[in-house]
N, C-alpha and C. Protein backbone atom coordinates (compact mmCIF):
# COMPACT_ATOMS: atom_id res chain seq x y z
N MET A 1 -83.91 -62.44 -97.68
CA MET A 1 -82.89 -62.32 -96.75
C MET A 1 -83.50 -61.99 -95.37
N SER A 2 -82.95 -62.42 -94.42
CA SER A 2 -83.41 -62.28 -92.96
C SER A 2 -82.42 -61.51 -92.17
N GLU A 3 -82.83 -60.32 -91.64
CA GLU A 3 -81.91 -59.80 -90.70
C GLU A 3 -81.87 -60.51 -89.24
N ARG A 4 -80.66 -60.33 -88.68
CA ARG A 4 -80.66 -60.89 -87.26
C ARG A 4 -79.84 -59.89 -86.47
N ILE A 5 -80.45 -59.59 -85.24
CA ILE A 5 -79.81 -58.79 -84.27
C ILE A 5 -79.65 -59.64 -82.91
N GLU A 6 -78.63 -59.40 -82.31
CA GLU A 6 -78.38 -60.04 -80.95
C GLU A 6 -78.71 -59.07 -79.87
N VAL A 7 -79.51 -59.53 -78.94
CA VAL A 7 -79.83 -58.70 -77.83
C VAL A 7 -79.55 -59.31 -76.53
N LEU A 8 -79.45 -58.52 -75.40
CA LEU A 8 -79.16 -59.05 -73.97
C LEU A 8 -80.53 -59.75 -73.63
N SER A 9 -80.44 -60.81 -72.87
CA SER A 9 -81.57 -61.61 -72.39
C SER A 9 -82.35 -60.75 -71.33
N HIS A 10 -81.68 -59.79 -70.68
CA HIS A 10 -82.38 -58.95 -69.85
C HIS A 10 -83.01 -57.59 -70.42
N GLY A 11 -82.99 -57.47 -71.79
CA GLY A 11 -83.72 -56.64 -72.41
C GLY A 11 -82.91 -55.91 -73.46
N PRO A 12 -83.39 -55.60 -74.70
CA PRO A 12 -82.56 -54.98 -75.76
C PRO A 12 -82.46 -53.44 -75.33
N LYS A 13 -81.41 -52.92 -76.11
CA LYS A 13 -81.28 -51.44 -76.03
C LYS A 13 -82.35 -50.62 -76.67
N PRO A 14 -82.62 -49.31 -76.34
CA PRO A 14 -83.83 -48.59 -76.91
C PRO A 14 -83.75 -48.61 -78.35
N ARG A 15 -82.51 -48.39 -78.87
CA ARG A 15 -82.24 -48.19 -80.45
C ARG A 15 -82.71 -49.64 -81.12
N GLN A 16 -82.40 -50.71 -80.42
CA GLN A 16 -82.64 -52.07 -80.98
C GLN A 16 -84.12 -52.31 -80.85
N LEU A 17 -84.87 -51.76 -79.79
CA LEU A 17 -86.36 -51.89 -79.77
C LEU A 17 -87.02 -51.08 -80.82
N ASP A 18 -86.53 -49.93 -81.16
CA ASP A 18 -87.07 -48.92 -82.13
C ASP A 18 -86.93 -49.73 -83.54
N HIS A 19 -85.87 -50.29 -83.66
CA HIS A 19 -85.66 -51.13 -84.98
C HIS A 19 -86.64 -52.25 -85.26
N ILE A 20 -86.83 -53.01 -84.04
CA ILE A 20 -87.65 -54.19 -84.11
C ILE A 20 -89.13 -53.79 -84.42
N VAL A 21 -89.57 -52.63 -83.69
CA VAL A 21 -90.86 -52.16 -83.87
C VAL A 21 -91.13 -51.57 -85.37
N GLY A 22 -90.06 -50.96 -85.87
CA GLY A 22 -90.04 -50.57 -87.16
C GLY A 22 -90.40 -51.66 -88.25
N VAL A 23 -89.74 -52.78 -88.02
CA VAL A 23 -89.94 -53.90 -88.85
C VAL A 23 -91.54 -54.35 -88.79
N LEU A 24 -92.03 -54.52 -87.59
CA LEU A 24 -93.46 -54.81 -87.50
C LEU A 24 -94.20 -53.78 -88.00
N VAL A 25 -94.13 -52.53 -87.95
CA VAL A 25 -94.96 -51.50 -88.43
C VAL A 25 -95.09 -51.59 -89.83
N ARG A 26 -93.87 -51.96 -90.48
CA ARG A 26 -93.87 -52.03 -92.01
C ARG A 26 -94.47 -53.41 -92.29
N GLY A 27 -95.08 -54.17 -91.54
CA GLY A 27 -95.88 -55.44 -91.86
C GLY A 27 -94.91 -56.68 -91.89
N GLY A 28 -93.73 -56.56 -91.12
CA GLY A 28 -92.92 -57.67 -91.13
C GLY A 28 -93.15 -58.76 -90.07
N VAL A 29 -92.48 -59.96 -90.22
CA VAL A 29 -92.77 -60.94 -89.29
C VAL A 29 -91.35 -61.26 -88.63
N ILE A 30 -91.33 -61.27 -87.29
CA ILE A 30 -90.17 -61.44 -86.58
C ILE A 30 -90.07 -62.65 -85.75
N ALA A 31 -88.93 -63.14 -85.41
CA ALA A 31 -88.76 -64.24 -84.46
C ALA A 31 -88.21 -63.75 -83.15
N TYR A 32 -88.63 -63.96 -82.15
CA TYR A 32 -88.30 -63.31 -80.85
C TYR A 32 -88.52 -64.17 -79.62
N PRO A 33 -87.62 -63.97 -78.50
CA PRO A 33 -87.61 -64.94 -77.43
C PRO A 33 -88.85 -64.61 -76.51
N THR A 34 -89.36 -65.69 -75.93
CA THR A 34 -90.40 -65.52 -74.85
C THR A 34 -90.09 -66.39 -73.69
N ASP A 35 -90.94 -66.48 -72.73
CA ASP A 35 -90.67 -67.34 -71.44
C ASP A 35 -90.98 -68.77 -71.90
N SER A 36 -91.46 -68.97 -72.99
CA SER A 36 -91.76 -70.35 -73.40
C SER A 36 -91.20 -70.73 -74.71
N GLY A 37 -89.96 -70.18 -74.98
CA GLY A 37 -89.36 -70.46 -76.28
C GLY A 37 -89.43 -69.32 -77.40
N TYR A 38 -88.76 -69.58 -78.40
CA TYR A 38 -88.87 -68.47 -79.47
C TYR A 38 -90.38 -68.59 -80.27
N ALA A 39 -90.68 -67.37 -80.56
CA ALA A 39 -92.00 -67.31 -81.17
C ALA A 39 -91.88 -66.50 -82.40
N LEU A 40 -92.97 -66.62 -83.32
CA LEU A 40 -93.22 -65.62 -84.38
C LEU A 40 -94.16 -64.58 -84.00
N GLY A 41 -93.79 -63.23 -84.47
CA GLY A 41 -94.79 -62.23 -84.11
C GLY A 41 -95.00 -61.35 -85.19
N TRP A 42 -96.20 -60.74 -85.27
CA TRP A 42 -96.66 -59.75 -86.36
C TRP A 42 -97.81 -59.03 -85.80
N ARG A 43 -98.04 -57.85 -86.44
CA ARG A 43 -99.17 -56.95 -86.09
C ARG A 43 -100.46 -57.70 -86.68
N SER A 44 -101.50 -57.46 -85.87
CA SER A 44 -102.77 -58.30 -86.20
C SER A 44 -103.48 -57.74 -87.43
N ASN A 45 -103.20 -56.51 -87.87
CA ASN A 45 -104.00 -55.96 -88.93
C ASN A 45 -103.14 -56.36 -90.39
N TYR A 46 -102.18 -57.12 -90.32
CA TYR A 46 -101.40 -57.55 -91.45
C TYR A 46 -101.64 -58.90 -91.74
N ARG A 47 -102.62 -59.22 -92.59
CA ARG A 47 -103.03 -60.51 -92.87
C ARG A 47 -102.02 -61.39 -93.68
N GLN A 48 -101.29 -60.52 -94.61
CA GLN A 48 -100.19 -61.19 -95.39
C GLN A 48 -99.06 -61.81 -94.43
N ALA A 49 -98.86 -61.09 -93.32
CA ALA A 49 -97.79 -61.59 -92.32
C ALA A 49 -98.37 -62.90 -91.83
N ARG A 50 -99.63 -62.92 -91.47
CA ARG A 50 -100.29 -64.04 -90.91
C ARG A 50 -100.14 -65.22 -91.89
N ASP A 51 -100.39 -64.92 -93.08
CA ASP A 51 -100.20 -66.11 -94.14
C ASP A 51 -98.91 -66.50 -94.25
N ARG A 52 -97.89 -65.68 -94.13
CA ARG A 52 -96.54 -66.12 -94.09
C ARG A 52 -96.15 -67.06 -92.94
N VAL A 53 -96.77 -66.80 -91.79
CA VAL A 53 -96.50 -67.67 -90.60
C VAL A 53 -97.13 -69.07 -90.75
N ILE A 54 -98.32 -69.12 -91.45
CA ILE A 54 -99.00 -70.30 -91.89
C ILE A 54 -98.12 -71.19 -92.77
N ARG A 55 -97.50 -70.50 -93.61
CA ARG A 55 -96.52 -71.20 -94.70
C ARG A 55 -95.43 -71.71 -93.84
N ILE A 56 -94.75 -70.91 -93.12
CA ILE A 56 -93.50 -71.32 -92.39
C ILE A 56 -93.70 -72.51 -91.45
N ARG A 57 -94.87 -72.51 -90.85
CA ARG A 57 -95.10 -73.72 -89.89
C ARG A 57 -95.82 -74.71 -90.49
N GLU A 58 -96.48 -74.60 -91.73
CA GLU A 58 -97.14 -75.56 -92.53
C GLU A 58 -98.48 -75.94 -91.56
N LEU A 59 -99.21 -74.73 -91.31
CA LEU A 59 -100.43 -74.89 -90.49
C LEU A 59 -101.59 -74.80 -91.40
N GLU A 60 -102.77 -75.33 -90.80
CA GLU A 60 -104.09 -75.08 -91.55
C GLU A 60 -104.33 -73.61 -91.30
N ARG A 61 -105.12 -73.10 -92.44
CA ARG A 61 -105.45 -71.68 -92.36
C ARG A 61 -106.29 -71.15 -91.21
N ARG A 62 -107.06 -72.20 -90.59
CA ARG A 62 -107.89 -71.66 -89.51
C ARG A 62 -107.19 -72.05 -88.11
N HIS A 63 -105.73 -72.11 -88.12
CA HIS A 63 -104.93 -72.33 -86.91
C HIS A 63 -105.24 -71.19 -85.97
N HIS A 64 -105.17 -71.37 -84.64
CA HIS A 64 -105.39 -70.43 -83.72
C HIS A 64 -104.10 -69.86 -83.17
N PHE A 65 -104.05 -68.55 -83.24
CA PHE A 65 -102.88 -67.74 -82.83
C PHE A 65 -103.24 -67.02 -81.44
N THR A 66 -102.26 -66.48 -80.79
CA THR A 66 -102.30 -65.91 -79.46
C THR A 66 -101.86 -64.46 -79.61
N TYR A 67 -102.69 -63.66 -78.72
CA TYR A 67 -102.19 -62.20 -78.61
C TYR A 67 -101.24 -62.12 -77.36
N CYS A 68 -100.04 -61.69 -77.66
CA CYS A 68 -99.18 -61.36 -76.60
C CYS A 68 -99.34 -59.91 -76.16
N CYS A 69 -99.73 -59.82 -74.78
CA CYS A 69 -100.02 -58.56 -74.29
C CYS A 69 -99.12 -58.07 -73.14
N ARG A 70 -98.99 -56.70 -72.91
CA ARG A 70 -98.16 -56.09 -71.87
C ARG A 70 -98.97 -56.22 -70.64
N SER A 71 -100.13 -56.03 -70.55
CA SER A 71 -100.78 -55.82 -69.22
C SER A 71 -102.27 -56.35 -69.42
N LEU A 72 -102.99 -56.42 -68.23
CA LEU A 72 -104.24 -56.73 -68.22
C LEU A 72 -105.18 -55.70 -69.01
N SER A 73 -104.70 -54.56 -68.91
CA SER A 73 -105.49 -53.38 -69.69
C SER A 73 -105.50 -53.77 -71.18
N ASP A 74 -104.38 -54.42 -71.70
CA ASP A 74 -104.40 -54.88 -73.13
C ASP A 74 -105.40 -55.85 -73.33
N ILE A 75 -105.48 -56.98 -72.36
CA ILE A 75 -106.45 -58.03 -72.49
C ILE A 75 -107.74 -57.45 -72.50
N SER A 76 -108.13 -56.45 -71.59
CA SER A 76 -109.34 -56.00 -71.53
C SER A 76 -109.91 -55.39 -72.69
N ARG A 77 -109.05 -54.82 -73.48
CA ARG A 77 -109.48 -54.37 -74.81
C ARG A 77 -109.79 -55.34 -75.85
N LEU A 78 -109.23 -56.47 -75.65
CA LEU A 78 -109.37 -57.51 -76.67
C LEU A 78 -110.52 -58.68 -76.24
N ALA A 79 -110.73 -58.65 -74.95
CA ALA A 79 -111.64 -59.80 -74.43
C ALA A 79 -112.58 -59.33 -73.46
N LYS A 80 -113.54 -60.01 -73.24
CA LYS A 80 -114.59 -59.80 -72.20
C LYS A 80 -114.09 -60.62 -70.91
N ILE A 81 -113.90 -59.95 -69.77
CA ILE A 81 -113.34 -60.65 -68.70
C ILE A 81 -114.18 -60.42 -67.46
N HIS A 82 -114.74 -61.59 -66.85
CA HIS A 82 -115.41 -61.50 -65.52
C HIS A 82 -114.53 -61.22 -64.53
N THR A 83 -115.09 -60.60 -63.34
CA THR A 83 -114.42 -60.23 -62.15
C THR A 83 -113.43 -61.30 -61.68
N SER A 84 -113.92 -62.52 -61.61
CA SER A 84 -113.24 -63.68 -61.02
C SER A 84 -112.05 -64.07 -62.01
N ASP A 85 -112.33 -63.91 -63.25
CA ASP A 85 -111.23 -64.28 -64.24
C ASP A 85 -110.08 -63.17 -64.13
N HIS A 86 -110.60 -61.98 -63.87
CA HIS A 86 -109.69 -60.87 -63.75
C HIS A 86 -108.67 -61.10 -62.60
N ARG A 87 -109.11 -61.46 -61.55
CA ARG A 87 -108.38 -61.68 -60.44
C ARG A 87 -107.46 -62.92 -60.70
N LEU A 88 -107.94 -64.02 -61.41
CA LEU A 88 -107.00 -65.12 -61.64
C LEU A 88 -105.92 -64.73 -62.69
N ILE A 89 -106.26 -63.93 -63.70
CA ILE A 89 -105.16 -63.61 -64.57
C ILE A 89 -104.10 -62.63 -64.06
N ARG A 90 -104.63 -61.73 -63.13
CA ARG A 90 -103.72 -60.93 -62.28
C ARG A 90 -102.72 -61.75 -61.49
N GLN A 91 -103.24 -62.75 -60.98
CA GLN A 91 -102.56 -63.61 -60.09
C GLN A 91 -101.40 -64.34 -60.74
N LEU A 92 -101.77 -64.83 -61.98
CA LEU A 92 -100.84 -65.76 -62.70
C LEU A 92 -99.87 -64.99 -63.73
N THR A 93 -100.14 -63.87 -63.93
CA THR A 93 -99.25 -63.03 -64.84
C THR A 93 -98.47 -61.96 -64.34
N PRO A 94 -97.32 -61.69 -65.02
CA PRO A 94 -96.78 -62.12 -66.24
C PRO A 94 -96.29 -63.68 -65.93
N GLY A 95 -96.44 -64.50 -66.85
CA GLY A 95 -96.03 -65.87 -66.78
C GLY A 95 -96.44 -66.82 -67.79
N PRO A 96 -96.02 -68.15 -67.74
CA PRO A 96 -96.27 -68.99 -68.91
C PRO A 96 -97.76 -69.60 -68.86
N TYR A 97 -98.73 -68.67 -69.10
CA TYR A 97 -100.07 -69.17 -69.04
C TYR A 97 -100.76 -68.47 -70.44
N THR A 98 -101.50 -69.16 -71.04
CA THR A 98 -102.41 -68.73 -72.14
C THR A 98 -103.78 -68.94 -71.79
N PHE A 99 -104.58 -67.74 -72.00
CA PHE A 99 -106.10 -67.82 -71.44
C PHE A 99 -106.93 -67.72 -72.69
N ILE A 100 -107.94 -68.52 -72.75
CA ILE A 100 -108.92 -68.39 -73.87
C ILE A 100 -110.18 -67.70 -73.18
N LEU A 101 -110.58 -66.63 -73.92
CA LEU A 101 -111.60 -65.68 -73.40
C LEU A 101 -112.54 -65.34 -74.61
N PRO A 102 -113.86 -64.98 -74.25
CA PRO A 102 -114.69 -64.36 -75.35
C PRO A 102 -113.97 -63.05 -75.90
N SER A 103 -114.04 -62.92 -77.11
CA SER A 103 -113.37 -61.82 -77.76
C SER A 103 -114.37 -60.51 -77.74
N SER A 104 -113.67 -59.37 -77.82
CA SER A 104 -114.47 -58.07 -77.83
C SER A 104 -114.67 -57.71 -79.33
N LEU A 105 -115.26 -56.63 -79.54
CA LEU A 105 -115.49 -56.08 -80.80
C LEU A 105 -114.18 -55.51 -81.43
N ASN A 106 -113.26 -55.32 -80.56
CA ASN A 106 -111.97 -54.79 -81.24
C ASN A 106 -111.09 -55.82 -81.87
N VAL A 107 -111.38 -57.17 -81.91
CA VAL A 107 -110.67 -58.17 -82.32
C VAL A 107 -111.09 -58.43 -83.95
N PRO A 108 -110.18 -58.38 -84.95
CA PRO A 108 -110.42 -58.80 -86.26
C PRO A 108 -111.05 -60.07 -86.39
N ARG A 109 -112.00 -60.32 -87.34
CA ARG A 109 -112.53 -61.54 -87.60
C ARG A 109 -111.63 -62.79 -87.67
N ASN A 110 -110.53 -62.58 -88.38
CA ASN A 110 -109.47 -63.54 -88.76
C ASN A 110 -108.70 -63.84 -87.60
N ALA A 111 -108.87 -63.18 -86.39
CA ALA A 111 -108.13 -63.55 -85.20
C ALA A 111 -108.90 -64.59 -84.31
N HIS A 112 -110.20 -64.69 -84.54
CA HIS A 112 -110.95 -65.41 -83.60
C HIS A 112 -110.42 -67.05 -83.74
N MET A 113 -110.54 -67.68 -82.52
CA MET A 113 -110.20 -69.00 -82.53
C MET A 113 -111.20 -70.04 -83.09
N ASN A 114 -112.52 -69.54 -83.11
CA ASN A 114 -113.49 -70.45 -83.62
C ASN A 114 -114.80 -69.66 -83.81
N LYS A 115 -115.96 -70.26 -84.13
CA LYS A 115 -117.07 -69.52 -84.38
C LYS A 115 -117.74 -69.13 -83.09
N ARG A 116 -117.26 -69.56 -81.99
CA ARG A 116 -117.67 -69.04 -80.71
C ARG A 116 -117.06 -67.51 -80.39
N ARG A 117 -116.28 -67.12 -81.32
CA ARG A 117 -115.55 -65.86 -81.08
C ARG A 117 -114.84 -65.68 -79.79
N THR A 118 -113.90 -66.59 -79.86
CA THR A 118 -112.97 -66.52 -78.66
C THR A 118 -111.46 -66.42 -79.07
N ILE A 119 -110.62 -65.87 -78.17
CA ILE A 119 -109.22 -65.62 -78.54
C ILE A 119 -108.46 -66.12 -77.44
N GLY A 120 -107.08 -66.26 -77.79
CA GLY A 120 -106.09 -66.71 -77.01
C GLY A 120 -105.22 -65.45 -76.45
N VAL A 121 -105.05 -65.22 -75.17
CA VAL A 121 -104.22 -64.05 -74.74
C VAL A 121 -103.15 -64.56 -73.77
N ARG A 122 -102.15 -63.80 -73.58
CA ARG A 122 -101.17 -64.09 -72.61
C ARG A 122 -100.27 -62.88 -72.39
N ILE A 123 -99.69 -62.86 -71.06
CA ILE A 123 -98.58 -61.84 -70.78
C ILE A 123 -97.34 -62.49 -70.40
N PRO A 124 -96.53 -62.50 -71.37
CA PRO A 124 -95.10 -63.32 -71.18
C PRO A 124 -94.36 -62.70 -70.01
N ASN A 125 -93.66 -63.35 -69.42
CA ASN A 125 -92.55 -63.03 -68.34
C ASN A 125 -91.24 -62.98 -68.93
N HIS A 126 -90.99 -62.04 -69.87
CA HIS A 126 -89.61 -61.90 -70.53
C HIS A 126 -89.48 -60.51 -70.84
N PRO A 127 -88.25 -60.01 -70.52
CA PRO A 127 -87.97 -58.51 -70.59
C PRO A 127 -87.94 -58.06 -72.04
N VAL A 128 -87.60 -58.96 -72.94
CA VAL A 128 -87.44 -58.70 -74.52
C VAL A 128 -88.92 -58.38 -74.89
N VAL A 129 -89.75 -59.19 -74.48
CA VAL A 129 -91.23 -59.06 -75.01
C VAL A 129 -91.85 -57.72 -74.31
N GLN A 130 -91.57 -57.72 -73.11
CA GLN A 130 -92.13 -56.53 -72.41
C GLN A 130 -91.69 -55.18 -72.97
N GLY A 131 -90.37 -55.22 -73.20
CA GLY A 131 -89.89 -54.03 -73.79
C GLY A 131 -90.28 -53.76 -75.22
N LEU A 132 -90.53 -54.78 -75.88
CA LEU A 132 -91.06 -54.69 -77.42
C LEU A 132 -92.47 -54.19 -77.27
N LEU A 133 -93.29 -54.68 -76.42
CA LEU A 133 -94.76 -54.38 -76.51
C LEU A 133 -94.86 -52.89 -75.85
N LYS A 134 -93.97 -52.54 -75.05
CA LYS A 134 -94.02 -51.19 -74.56
C LYS A 134 -93.90 -50.18 -75.77
N VAL A 135 -92.92 -50.39 -76.42
CA VAL A 135 -92.64 -49.40 -77.73
C VAL A 135 -93.68 -49.64 -78.74
N LEU A 136 -94.20 -50.75 -79.07
CA LEU A 136 -95.11 -50.99 -80.00
C LEU A 136 -96.62 -50.51 -79.68
N ASP A 137 -96.78 -50.59 -78.35
CA ASP A 137 -97.92 -49.84 -77.76
C ASP A 137 -99.22 -50.73 -78.20
N GLU A 138 -99.09 -51.89 -78.61
CA GLU A 138 -100.21 -52.65 -78.94
C GLU A 138 -100.01 -54.19 -78.88
N PRO A 139 -100.94 -54.97 -78.61
CA PRO A 139 -100.64 -56.65 -78.41
C PRO A 139 -100.17 -57.03 -79.81
N LEU A 140 -99.38 -58.05 -79.68
CA LEU A 140 -98.61 -58.69 -80.95
C LEU A 140 -99.23 -60.02 -81.13
N LEU A 141 -99.76 -60.38 -82.38
CA LEU A 141 -100.22 -61.77 -82.68
C LEU A 141 -98.90 -62.57 -82.67
N SER A 142 -99.14 -63.82 -82.10
CA SER A 142 -97.88 -64.69 -81.86
C SER A 142 -98.22 -66.14 -82.14
N SER A 143 -97.06 -66.89 -82.63
CA SER A 143 -97.16 -68.28 -82.80
C SER A 143 -95.92 -68.91 -82.34
N SER A 144 -95.93 -69.93 -81.53
CA SER A 144 -94.66 -70.57 -81.24
C SER A 144 -93.82 -70.83 -82.40
N LEU A 145 -92.61 -70.77 -82.35
CA LEU A 145 -91.61 -71.13 -83.41
C LEU A 145 -91.34 -72.64 -83.34
N ILE A 146 -92.36 -73.42 -83.69
CA ILE A 146 -92.09 -74.90 -83.86
C ILE A 146 -92.24 -75.27 -85.28
N LEU A 147 -91.11 -75.84 -85.80
CA LEU A 147 -91.05 -76.07 -87.24
C LEU A 147 -91.24 -77.50 -87.46
N PRO A 148 -91.72 -77.80 -88.85
CA PRO A 148 -91.83 -79.21 -89.19
C PRO A 148 -90.46 -79.96 -89.16
N ASP A 149 -90.07 -80.39 -88.04
CA ASP A 149 -88.68 -81.04 -87.87
C ASP A 149 -88.68 -82.48 -87.51
N PRO A 150 -88.45 -83.35 -88.54
CA PRO A 150 -88.54 -84.75 -88.15
C PRO A 150 -87.59 -85.24 -87.09
N GLU A 151 -86.44 -84.55 -86.89
CA GLU A 151 -85.51 -84.94 -85.85
C GLU A 151 -85.81 -84.39 -84.54
N GLY A 152 -86.89 -83.64 -84.22
CA GLY A 152 -87.31 -83.23 -82.94
C GLY A 152 -87.29 -81.69 -82.82
N LYS A 153 -87.34 -81.16 -81.53
CA LYS A 153 -87.55 -79.83 -81.31
C LYS A 153 -86.08 -79.12 -81.49
N ILE A 154 -86.15 -77.99 -82.10
CA ILE A 154 -84.94 -77.09 -82.42
C ILE A 154 -84.91 -76.03 -81.37
N MET A 155 -84.05 -75.83 -80.42
CA MET A 155 -84.09 -74.87 -79.47
C MET A 155 -83.04 -73.91 -79.60
N ASP A 156 -81.90 -74.27 -80.14
CA ASP A 156 -80.72 -73.45 -80.37
C ASP A 156 -80.98 -72.27 -81.27
N SER A 157 -80.55 -71.14 -80.89
CA SER A 157 -80.93 -69.87 -81.74
C SER A 157 -80.26 -69.91 -83.11
N GLU A 158 -79.03 -70.50 -83.20
CA GLU A 158 -78.30 -70.50 -84.44
C GLU A 158 -79.07 -71.39 -85.35
N ASP A 159 -79.41 -72.56 -84.97
CA ASP A 159 -80.26 -73.52 -85.81
C ASP A 159 -81.57 -72.94 -86.20
N LEU A 160 -82.29 -72.35 -85.25
CA LEU A 160 -83.58 -71.71 -85.70
C LEU A 160 -83.40 -70.59 -86.71
N TYR A 161 -82.38 -69.90 -86.59
CA TYR A 161 -82.13 -68.78 -87.47
C TYR A 161 -81.83 -69.49 -88.88
N ASP A 162 -81.11 -70.48 -88.91
CA ASP A 162 -80.72 -71.12 -90.29
C ASP A 162 -82.07 -71.66 -90.79
N GLU A 163 -83.03 -72.12 -89.97
CA GLU A 163 -84.19 -72.83 -90.48
C GLU A 163 -85.15 -71.82 -91.08
N VAL A 164 -85.18 -70.60 -90.51
CA VAL A 164 -86.15 -69.62 -90.81
C VAL A 164 -85.56 -68.52 -91.87
N TYR A 165 -84.23 -68.56 -92.16
CA TYR A 165 -83.64 -67.63 -92.93
C TYR A 165 -84.29 -67.53 -94.28
N GLY A 166 -84.47 -66.26 -94.68
CA GLY A 166 -85.26 -65.98 -95.92
C GLY A 166 -86.73 -66.01 -95.91
N GLN A 167 -87.38 -66.50 -94.64
CA GLN A 167 -88.82 -66.68 -94.56
C GLN A 167 -89.35 -65.63 -93.58
N ILE A 168 -88.52 -64.87 -92.80
CA ILE A 168 -89.00 -63.94 -91.89
C ILE A 168 -88.05 -62.60 -92.17
N ASP A 169 -88.52 -61.56 -91.55
CA ASP A 169 -87.82 -60.18 -91.79
C ASP A 169 -86.66 -60.02 -90.75
N LEU A 170 -86.93 -60.49 -89.53
CA LEU A 170 -85.95 -60.25 -88.49
C LEU A 170 -85.92 -61.24 -87.38
N PHE A 171 -84.78 -61.73 -87.02
CA PHE A 171 -84.50 -62.65 -85.84
C PHE A 171 -84.04 -61.97 -84.68
N VAL A 172 -84.74 -61.84 -83.68
CA VAL A 172 -84.22 -61.19 -82.44
C VAL A 172 -83.56 -62.41 -81.62
N ASP A 173 -82.29 -62.34 -81.53
CA ASP A 173 -81.43 -63.40 -81.08
C ASP A 173 -80.99 -63.14 -79.53
N ALA A 174 -81.64 -63.74 -78.52
CA ALA A 174 -81.33 -63.52 -77.16
C ALA A 174 -80.56 -64.77 -76.58
N GLY A 175 -79.97 -65.68 -77.56
CA GLY A 175 -79.35 -66.92 -77.14
C GLY A 175 -80.26 -68.03 -76.82
N TYR A 176 -79.89 -68.98 -76.03
CA TYR A 176 -80.66 -70.19 -75.68
C TYR A 176 -81.90 -69.78 -75.10
N CYS A 177 -83.08 -70.45 -75.55
CA CYS A 177 -84.23 -70.21 -75.01
C CYS A 177 -85.07 -71.45 -75.09
N PRO A 178 -85.25 -72.17 -73.90
CA PRO A 178 -85.90 -73.49 -74.02
C PRO A 178 -87.33 -73.37 -74.50
N LEU A 179 -87.69 -74.36 -75.30
CA LEU A 179 -88.99 -74.43 -75.74
C LEU A 179 -89.96 -75.21 -74.83
N GLU A 180 -90.77 -74.65 -74.08
CA GLU A 180 -91.65 -75.35 -73.21
C GLU A 180 -93.15 -74.64 -73.47
N PRO A 181 -94.15 -75.48 -73.55
CA PRO A 181 -95.47 -75.00 -73.86
C PRO A 181 -96.06 -74.23 -72.61
N THR A 182 -96.86 -73.31 -72.83
CA THR A 182 -97.50 -72.56 -71.79
C THR A 182 -98.69 -73.50 -71.22
N THR A 183 -99.23 -73.15 -70.06
CA THR A 183 -100.38 -73.83 -69.49
C THR A 183 -101.58 -73.11 -70.23
N LEU A 184 -102.44 -73.88 -70.92
CA LEU A 184 -103.49 -73.38 -71.55
C LEU A 184 -104.90 -73.49 -70.68
N VAL A 185 -105.35 -72.31 -70.40
CA VAL A 185 -106.61 -72.27 -69.50
C VAL A 185 -107.81 -71.74 -70.15
N ASP A 186 -108.94 -72.41 -70.21
CA ASP A 186 -110.27 -71.96 -70.80
C ASP A 186 -111.03 -71.12 -69.81
N LEU A 187 -111.24 -69.97 -70.08
CA LEU A 187 -112.22 -69.16 -69.11
C LEU A 187 -113.42 -68.79 -69.59
N THR A 188 -114.02 -69.56 -70.49
CA THR A 188 -115.19 -69.18 -71.27
C THR A 188 -116.47 -69.73 -70.59
N SER A 189 -116.36 -70.63 -69.69
CA SER A 189 -117.56 -71.40 -69.19
C SER A 189 -117.85 -71.02 -67.84
N GLY A 190 -117.14 -69.97 -67.29
CA GLY A 190 -117.45 -69.55 -65.87
C GLY A 190 -116.53 -70.25 -64.86
N LYS A 191 -115.95 -71.27 -65.22
CA LYS A 191 -114.87 -72.08 -64.37
C LYS A 191 -113.68 -72.42 -65.05
N PRO A 192 -112.49 -72.03 -64.62
CA PRO A 192 -111.25 -72.35 -65.22
C PRO A 192 -111.13 -73.83 -65.63
N GLU A 193 -110.89 -74.19 -66.86
CA GLU A 193 -110.70 -75.43 -67.36
C GLU A 193 -109.31 -75.60 -67.97
N ILE A 194 -108.44 -76.47 -67.50
CA ILE A 194 -107.07 -76.57 -67.92
C ILE A 194 -107.16 -77.49 -69.40
N LEU A 195 -106.89 -76.95 -70.35
CA LEU A 195 -106.80 -77.68 -71.73
C LEU A 195 -105.48 -78.25 -71.90
N ARG A 196 -104.39 -77.69 -71.51
CA ARG A 196 -103.02 -78.23 -71.65
C ARG A 196 -102.17 -77.86 -70.43
N ARG A 197 -101.54 -78.86 -69.93
CA ARG A 197 -100.55 -78.62 -68.94
C ARG A 197 -99.23 -78.32 -69.39
N GLY A 198 -98.70 -77.07 -69.01
CA GLY A 198 -97.42 -76.64 -69.37
C GLY A 198 -96.50 -76.12 -68.23
N LEU A 199 -95.78 -75.09 -68.50
CA LEU A 199 -94.93 -74.53 -67.42
C LEU A 199 -95.61 -74.07 -66.23
N GLY A 200 -96.89 -73.43 -66.39
CA GLY A 200 -97.46 -72.75 -65.32
C GLY A 200 -97.87 -73.79 -64.33
N VAL A 201 -97.92 -73.33 -63.00
CA VAL A 201 -98.35 -74.06 -61.81
C VAL A 201 -99.94 -74.13 -61.83
N ILE A 202 -100.59 -75.26 -61.66
CA ILE A 202 -102.09 -75.36 -61.74
C ILE A 202 -102.66 -76.03 -60.55
N ASP A 203 -101.92 -76.33 -59.71
CA ASP A 203 -102.36 -77.26 -58.53
C ASP A 203 -103.46 -76.60 -57.72
N PHE A 204 -103.45 -75.23 -57.72
CA PHE A 204 -104.39 -74.51 -56.91
C PHE A 204 -105.70 -74.17 -57.66
N LEU A 205 -105.79 -74.54 -58.89
CA LEU A 205 -107.05 -74.33 -59.75
C LEU A 205 -108.07 -75.31 -59.42
């Protein structure tokens, strides 16, 4: 059985945030809204939660997940950031950008994107996520809620809930949330490289 709570798009009530975080602390998997569509989220130290997400999305076991962070301070604990990259991230966030960076020793081995020990990080521009991360007080591992759907993308929250019912612990429903990919920026080579064009503006890069 999957629980569902409806929240205001401009942010949940404090008691709702406490409930959501409680589910995560107990090792649960949640679906929640972001600035690039609904996502699945879980705490990075729960490998079973990660395996559940892999089954839900029918992913390869070595799929790359992203850390959703509240601030640059969170990112700095997870990744090694050069001064120029720090300025760029500060300029673009919060917003629909995902950055690939060399990981720090604080990142579990199973969260690395590849043998180069890199990770994906982002700071979403969405009040639900920011409120959640503030109460959780740690980055949240995340995966876009894209299901194996032969009919195309499912963006309506009602349909999404029906699709993941019984597979997750909690669905945080903030209503309609368009599914649009983030812009993916590789910062591991000393010069920003756009790996995927998404919602974020990149003309100045």
